[in-house]
Amino acid sequence: MARLLFLGAMAALFFSSTFVLNRAMSLEGGHWVWSASLRYAFMLPILVAWTLVTAGPAGLARTLRLFRDHPLFWVLAGTVGFGVFYAGVTLAAAYSPGWVVATTWQSTILATPLVLALLGRRVPAKGLAFTALIFAGIVLVNLEQARGAAGLGSLWGIAAVLVAAVAYPLGNQLVWEARHGGSRRFGAIPRIEGAELDAGRAPTLLLTLGSIPFWIGLVAVTQPPPPSREQVVQTALVALFSGVIATTLFLRARAKAKSAYELAATDATQSLEVVFSLLGETLLLAGAWPGPAGAVGVALAVTGLVLYVCRQV
């Protein structure tokens, strides 16, 4: 369990770059569709090159064969877990302040048990209690940071993050279910055999491939103005740090989880994104250090993760 949470925490560290860079691009006038779609356009060649270097041509061929054998599944999982998820996050950054996005995104911690229940998995009650403790801590951190902010932002932004918060764990769980025998309850989830899926790199590549039709359709429908050079560079950084490194670490951790309890614990590490984002803003952008409420919030989040380790089934 401790290794799963370590991998999840490292993923949260790299994931935290998303909120800062997306908001920066939005404030500079970059269209949210490019912030979203270009990330996956950059991720695709990076992941292909990474697979070639670490697993060789044979490893890449095995990974692509998994897509060829189950194209509809990967398009479904990629559209939900990568497409709907990240489109919601970037759309929210265009309408809402960063603290609103960060606060609302933590609802994904509570969405995970709902997704597990939907797919026939049960999370023990104590796991739900620890998740609620972590969520309470994150709310305290963000409420303190929100003091003095002008309003709650656009309801469109909040709604977009709520949709993304459900889509992300749903897409990830579809992959976990397929790797662990498929689902008799849902015929759209096949049994997919392949040790490559345990590495994290392969499912990230396959989900990216599966999301491509969604991004092409989104660009065609919205027809955004061309991206600026700065937006292209910043999106490339998000693709590397959050899209490749963080997602690979996170999916690797989820692949190693053996129960619904461990899955919920791994997903709960995403709460640390707010802590890392706060530290990054404070150290790099001269933001204010958290006060008493923020300190209590951080303590609650860390306590919840420690309890996940100490009270594992």
Protein backbone atom coordinates (compact mmCIF):
# COMPACT_ATOMS: atom_id res chain seq x y z
CA MET A 1 0.00 0.00 0.00
CA ALA A 2 2.77 2.44 0.90
CA ARG A 3 4.30 2.03 -2.57
CA LEU A 4 0.95 2.73 -4.23
CA LEU A 5 0.53 5.94 -2.25
CA PHE A 6 4.12 7.01 -2.99
CA LEU A 7 3.54 6.59 -6.72
CA GLY A 8 0.23 8.43 -6.41
CA ALA A 9 1.87 11.27 -4.48
CA MET A 10 4.60 11.63 -7.11
CA ALA A 11 1.91 11.71 -9.79
CA ALA A 12 0.10 14.46 -7.86
CA LEU A 13 3.32 16.48 -7.78
CA PHE A 14 3.54 16.49 -11.58
CA PHE A 15 -0.24 16.80 -12.03
CA SER A 16 -0.19 20.05 -10.07
CA SER A 17 1.48 21.84 -12.99
CA THR A 18 -1.77 21.54 -14.93
CA PHE A 19 -3.79 24.03 -12.87
CA VAL A 20 -1.13 26.73 -12.90
CA LEU A 21 -0.22 26.51 -16.58
CA ASN A 22 -3.81 26.18 -17.82
CA ARG A 23 -4.87 29.26 -15.91
CA ALA A 24 -1.82 31.16 -17.19
CA MET A 25 -2.68 30.27 -20.79
CA SER A 26 -6.29 31.32 -20.28
CA LEU A 27 -5.29 34.70 -18.84
CA GLU A 28 -2.97 35.23 -21.81
CA GLY A 29 -5.87 34.72 -24.22
CA GLY A 30 -5.16 31.15 -25.33
CA HIS A 31 -8.25 29.19 -26.36
CA TRP A 32 -9.13 26.31 -24.02
CA VAL A 33 -9.60 23.86 -26.90
CA TRP A 34 -5.94 24.21 -27.91
CA SER A 35 -4.81 23.94 -24.29
CA ALA A 36 -6.60 20.60 -24.17
CA SER A 37 -6.06 19.08 -27.61
CA LEU A 38 -2.43 20.14 -28.08
CA ARG A 39 -1.53 18.40 -24.81
CA TYR A 40 -2.50 15.04 -26.29
CA ALA A 41 -0.98 15.89 -29.67
CA PHE A 42 2.35 16.33 -27.87
CA MET A 43 1.84 13.31 -25.63
CA LEU A 44 1.42 10.88 -28.52
CA PRO A 45 4.93 11.15 -30.06
CA ILE A 46 6.54 11.38 -26.61
CA LEU A 47 4.86 8.16 -25.50
CA VAL A 48 5.70 6.37 -28.75
CA ALA A 49 9.36 7.40 -28.43
CA TRP A 50 9.43 6.39 -24.75
CA THR A 51 8.00 2.98 -25.58
CA LEU A 52 10.55 2.45 -28.33
CA VAL A 53 13.43 3.35 -26.03
CA THR A 54 12.31 1.27 -23.04
CA ALA A 55 10.55 -1.66 -24.69
CA GLY A 56 11.89 -1.62 -28.24
CA PRO A 57 9.95 -2.05 -31.50
CA ALA A 58 8.54 -5.35 -30.26
CA GLY A 59 7.14 -3.70 -27.13
CA LEU A 60 5.53 -0.93 -29.17
CA ALA A 61 4.04 -3.51 -31.53
CA ARG A 62 2.55 -5.45 -28.60
CA THR A 63 1.03 -2.28 -27.19
CA LEU A 64 -0.46 -1.21 -30.53
CA ARG A 65 -1.81 -4.73 -30.98
CA LEU A 66 -3.88 -4.23 -27.83
CA PHE A 67 -5.47 -1.21 -29.50
CA ARG A 68 -6.04 -3.08 -32.74
CA ASP A 69 -7.75 -5.96 -30.94
CA HIS A 70 -10.11 -3.70 -28.94
CA PRO A 71 -10.42 -0.34 -30.79
CA LEU A 72 -13.95 0.49 -29.62
CA PHE A 73 -13.04 -0.05 -25.98
CA TRP A 74 -9.97 2.20 -26.15
CA VAL A 75 -11.90 4.91 -28.00
CA LEU A 76 -14.61 4.76 -25.32
CA ALA A 77 -12.17 4.78 -22.40
CA GLY A 78 -9.95 7.42 -24.04
CA THR A 79 -12.89 9.68 -24.84
CA VAL A 80 -14.20 9.52 -21.27
CA GLY A 81 -10.97 9.31 -19.26
CA PHE A 82 -8.84 11.70 -21.31
CA GLY A 83 -11.18 13.61 -23.64
CA VAL A 84 -14.16 14.59 -21.48
CA PHE A 85 -11.92 14.86 -18.42
CA TYR A 86 -9.35 17.29 -19.80
CA ALA A 87 -11.77 19.27 -21.93
CA GLY A 88 -13.68 19.96 -18.72
CA VAL A 89 -10.57 21.03 -16.82
CA THR A 90 -9.37 23.44 -19.52
CA LEU A 91 -12.87 24.83 -20.14
CA ALA A 92 -13.14 25.55 -16.42
CA ALA A 93 -9.83 27.43 -16.46
CA ALA A 94 -11.29 29.73 -19.11
CA TYR A 95 -14.32 30.62 -16.98
CA SER A 96 -13.31 30.27 -13.35
CA PRO A 97 -10.47 31.39 -11.07
CA GLY A 98 -7.81 28.81 -10.33
CA TRP A 99 -8.95 28.26 -6.74
CA VAL A 100 -12.45 27.37 -7.94
CA VAL A 101 -11.05 24.79 -10.36
CA ALA A 102 -8.71 23.33 -7.75
CA THR A 103 -11.41 23.13 -5.09
CA THR A 104 -14.09 21.64 -7.31
CA TRP A 105 -11.69 19.15 -8.91
CA GLN A 106 -11.20 17.45 -5.55
CA SER A 107 -14.73 16.09 -5.91
CA THR A 108 -13.06 13.38 -8.00
CA ILE A 109 -11.97 11.85 -4.68
CA LEU A 110 -15.62 11.40 -3.76
CA ALA A 111 -16.53 10.33 -7.31
CA THR A 112 -14.20 7.32 -7.17
CA PRO A 113 -16.34 5.28 -4.73
CA LEU A 114 -19.40 6.08 -6.87
CA VAL A 115 -17.63 4.87 -10.01
CA LEU A 116 -16.49 1.70 -8.23
CA ALA A 117 -20.05 1.04 -7.07
CA LEU A 118 -21.36 1.61 -10.60
CA LEU A 119 -18.98 -1.05 -11.90
CA GLY A 120 -19.88 -3.51 -9.16
CA ARG A 121 -17.04 -2.85 -6.72
CA ARG A 122 -17.50 -2.04 -3.05
CA VAL A 123 -15.29 0.30 -1.04
CA PRO A 124 -15.16 -0.49 2.73
CA ALA A 125 -16.82 2.08 4.97
CA LYS A 126 -13.54 3.03 6.61
CA GLY A 127 -12.13 3.82 3.18
CA LEU A 128 -15.02 6.20 2.58
CA ALA A 129 -14.36 7.82 5.96
CA PHE A 130 -10.68 8.40 5.14
CA THR A 131 -11.66 9.82 1.75
CA ALA A 132 -14.08 12.23 3.42
CA LEU A 133 -11.33 13.29 5.85
CA ILE A 134 -8.96 14.08 2.98
CA PHE A 135 -11.68 15.99 1.15
CA ALA A 136 -12.45 18.05 4.26
CA GLY A 137 -8.80 19.01 4.50
CA ILE A 138 -8.68 20.11 0.88
CA VAL A 139 -11.81 22.20 1.31
CA LEU A 140 -10.24 24.00 4.28
CA VAL A 141 -7.07 24.75 2.30
CA ASN A 142 -9.00 26.18 -0.63
CA LEU A 143 -11.55 28.10 1.41
CA GLU A 144 -8.71 29.97 3.05
CA GLN A 145 -7.10 30.69 -0.31
CA ALA A 146 -10.47 31.87 -1.63
CA ARG A 147 -10.86 34.69 0.88
CA GLY A 148 -10.99 37.98 -0.91
CA ALA A 149 -11.61 36.39 -4.31
CA ALA A 150 -14.22 38.06 -6.47
CA GLY A 151 -17.23 35.77 -6.47
CA LEU A 152 -17.48 32.08 -7.28
CA GLY A 153 -16.71 32.43 -10.96
CA SER A 154 -18.85 31.07 -13.73
CA LEU A 155 -21.24 28.19 -13.09
CA TRP A 156 -20.12 26.85 -16.44
CA GLY A 157 -16.62 26.40 -15.06
CA ILE A 158 -17.86 24.64 -11.94
CA ALA A 159 -20.13 22.34 -13.97
CA ALA A 160 -17.26 21.50 -16.34
CA VAL A 161 -14.99 20.47 -13.47
CA LEU A 162 -17.71 18.34 -11.89
CA VAL A 163 -18.14 16.43 -15.15
CA ALA A 164 -14.36 16.04 -15.46
CA ALA A 165 -14.13 14.82 -11.86
CA VAL A 166 -16.40 11.88 -12.70
CA ALA A 167 -15.00 11.19 -16.18
CA TYR A 168 -11.39 10.79 -15.03
CA PRO A 169 -11.87 7.97 -12.48
CA LEU A 170 -14.46 6.34 -14.76
CA GLY A 171 -12.02 6.15 -17.69
CA ASN A 172 -9.23 4.85 -15.46
CA GLN A 173 -11.49 2.25 -13.87
CA LEU A 174 -12.60 0.98 -17.27
CA VAL A 175 -8.94 0.14 -17.98
CA TRP A 176 -8.51 -1.53 -14.58
CA GLU A 177 -11.62 -3.65 -15.10
CA ALA A 178 -10.43 -4.74 -18.55
CA ARG A 179 -7.00 -5.69 -17.21
CA HIS A 180 -8.52 -7.69 -14.34
CA GLY A 181 -10.92 -9.85 -16.28
CA GLY A 182 -13.42 -7.56 -17.94
CA SER A 183 -17.00 -7.17 -16.76
CA ARG A 184 -20.00 -9.44 -17.13
CA ARG A 185 -22.16 -6.53 -16.00
CA PHE A 186 -21.04 -4.29 -18.87
CA GLY A 187 -20.40 -5.90 -22.24
CA ALA A 188 -18.40 -2.86 -23.39
CA ILE A 189 -15.56 -3.86 -21.01
CA PRO A 190 -13.67 -6.78 -22.52
CA ARG A 191 -11.00 -8.91 -20.88
CA ILE A 192 -7.65 -7.60 -22.10
CA GLU A 193 -4.54 -9.69 -21.48
CA GLY A 194 -1.21 -7.91 -21.64
CA ALA A 195 1.54 -7.40 -19.08
CA GLU A 196 2.29 -4.09 -20.80
CA LEU A 197 -0.78 -2.60 -19.12
CA ASP A 198 0.88 -2.91 -15.71
CA ALA A 199 3.66 -0.46 -16.58
CA GLY A 200 1.49 2.64 -16.82
CA ARG A 201 3.19 3.77 -20.02
CA ALA A 202 1.15 1.47 -22.27
CA PRO A 203 -2.34 2.36 -20.98
CA THR A 204 -1.41 6.05 -21.19
CA LEU A 205 -0.46 5.58 -24.85
CA LEU A 206 -3.58 3.54 -25.59
CA LEU A 207 -5.91 6.03 -23.89
CA THR A 208 -4.21 8.87 -25.78
CA LEU A 209 -4.76 7.07 -29.08
CA GLY A 210 -8.36 6.43 -28.11
CA SER A 211 -8.96 10.10 -27.36
CA ILE A 212 -7.74 11.36 -30.77
CA PRO A 213 -11.18 11.15 -32.47
CA PHE A 214 -12.65 13.23 -29.65
CA TRP A 215 -10.04 15.98 -30.04
CA ILE A 216 -10.39 16.08 -33.83
CA GLY A 217 -14.16 16.40 -33.46
CA LEU A 218 -13.87 19.09 -30.78
CA VAL A 219 -11.53 21.23 -32.89
CA ALA A 220 -13.77 20.78 -35.94
CA VAL A 221 -16.88 21.86 -34.03
CA THR A 222 -15.40 24.82 -32.11
CA GLN A 223 -12.98 26.05 -34.82
CA PRO A 224 -10.77 28.00 -32.37
CA PRO A 225 -8.34 30.68 -33.60
CA PRO A 226 -4.72 29.53 -34.09
CA PRO A 227 -2.73 29.09 -30.85
CA SER A 228 0.07 31.47 -29.97
CA ARG A 229 3.69 30.38 -29.69
CA GLU A 230 3.56 30.78 -25.90
CA GLN A 231 0.49 28.57 -25.66
CA VAL A 232 2.16 25.86 -27.73
CA VAL A 233 5.24 25.89 -25.48
CA GLN A 234 3.21 25.86 -22.26
CA THR A 235 1.00 23.07 -23.54
CA ALA A 236 4.09 21.04 -24.38
CA LEU A 237 5.25 21.41 -20.78
CA VAL A 238 1.84 20.28 -19.49
CA ALA A 239 1.99 17.31 -21.86
CA LEU A 240 5.38 16.23 -20.52
CA PHE A 241 4.90 16.83 -16.79
CA SER A 242 1.22 16.09 -16.32
CA GLY A 243 0.24 14.10 -19.40
CA VAL A 244 3.19 11.72 -19.63
CA ILE A 245 5.05 11.59 -16.31
CA ALA A 246 2.13 12.09 -13.90
CA THR A 247 -0.39 9.97 -15.80
CA THR A 248 2.08 7.11 -16.24
CA LEU A 249 2.93 7.09 -12.53
CA PHE A 250 -0.74 7.24 -11.57
CA LEU A 251 -1.87 4.45 -13.91
CA ARG A 252 1.07 2.33 -12.77
CA ALA A 253 -0.09 2.74 -9.19
CA ARG A 254 -3.68 1.85 -10.11
CA ALA A 255 -2.53 -1.21 -12.07
CA LYS A 256 -0.79 -2.52 -8.94
CA ALA A 257 -3.89 -2.03 -6.76
CA LYS A 258 -5.48 -5.36 -5.84
CA SER A 259 -8.77 -4.26 -4.30
CA ALA A 260 -11.39 -1.51 -4.38
CA TYR A 261 -9.94 -0.20 -1.13
CA GLU A 262 -6.47 0.20 -2.65
CA LEU A 263 -7.96 1.81 -5.75
CA ALA A 264 -9.79 4.37 -3.61
CA ALA A 265 -6.62 5.04 -1.61
CA THR A 266 -4.57 5.55 -4.78
CA ASP A 267 -7.14 7.92 -6.23
CA ALA A 268 -7.22 9.83 -2.94
CA THR A 269 -3.57 10.82 -3.43
CA GLN A 270 -4.83 13.33 -5.99
CA SER A 271 -5.76 15.50 -3.03
CA LEU A 272 -2.07 16.34 -2.75
CA GLU A 273 -2.31 18.24 -6.04
CA VAL A 274 -3.77 21.19 -4.17
CA VAL A 275 -0.98 21.08 -1.59
CA PHE A 276 1.71 20.95 -4.27
CA SER A 277 -0.03 23.69 -6.27
CA LEU A 278 -0.16 25.87 -3.18
CA LEU A 279 3.53 25.30 -2.46
CA GLY A 280 4.46 26.01 -6.07
CA GLU A 281 2.45 29.22 -6.12
CA THR A 282 3.95 30.32 -2.81
CA LEU A 283 7.55 29.58 -3.73
CA LEU A 284 7.52 30.50 -7.42
CA LEU A 285 4.85 33.21 -7.63
CA ALA A 286 5.29 34.84 -4.22
CA GLY A 287 1.88 33.71 -3.03
CA ALA A 288 0.86 33.89 0.62
CA TRP A 289 1.59 30.98 2.97
CA PRO A 290 -1.49 29.24 4.35
CA GLY A 291 -2.87 30.46 7.65
CA PRO A 292 -4.31 28.37 10.51
CA ALA A 293 -7.24 26.96 8.52
CA GLY A 294 -4.96 26.02 5.62
CA ALA A 295 -2.48 24.35 7.96
CA VAL A 296 -5.29 22.31 9.51
CA GLY A 297 -6.48 21.34 6.04
CA VAL A 298 -3.05 20.08 5.01
CA ALA A 299 -2.83 18.12 8.27
CA LEU A 300 -6.22 16.49 7.64
CA ALA A 301 -5.26 15.48 4.10
CA VAL A 302 -1.97 13.94 5.23
CA THR A 303 -3.70 12.19 8.15
CA GLY A 304 -6.24 10.65 5.79
CA LEU A 305 -3.48 9.23 3.59
CA VAL A 306 -1.58 7.88 6.61
CA LEU A 307 -4.76 6.16 7.85
CA TYR A 308 -5.18 4.54 4.44
CA VAL A 309 -1.74 2.98 4.94
CA CYS A 310 -2.17 1.98 8.58
CA ARG A 311 -5.72 0.60 8.28
CA GLN A 312 -5.46 -1.31 5.02
CA VAL A 313 -7.56 -4.42 4.63
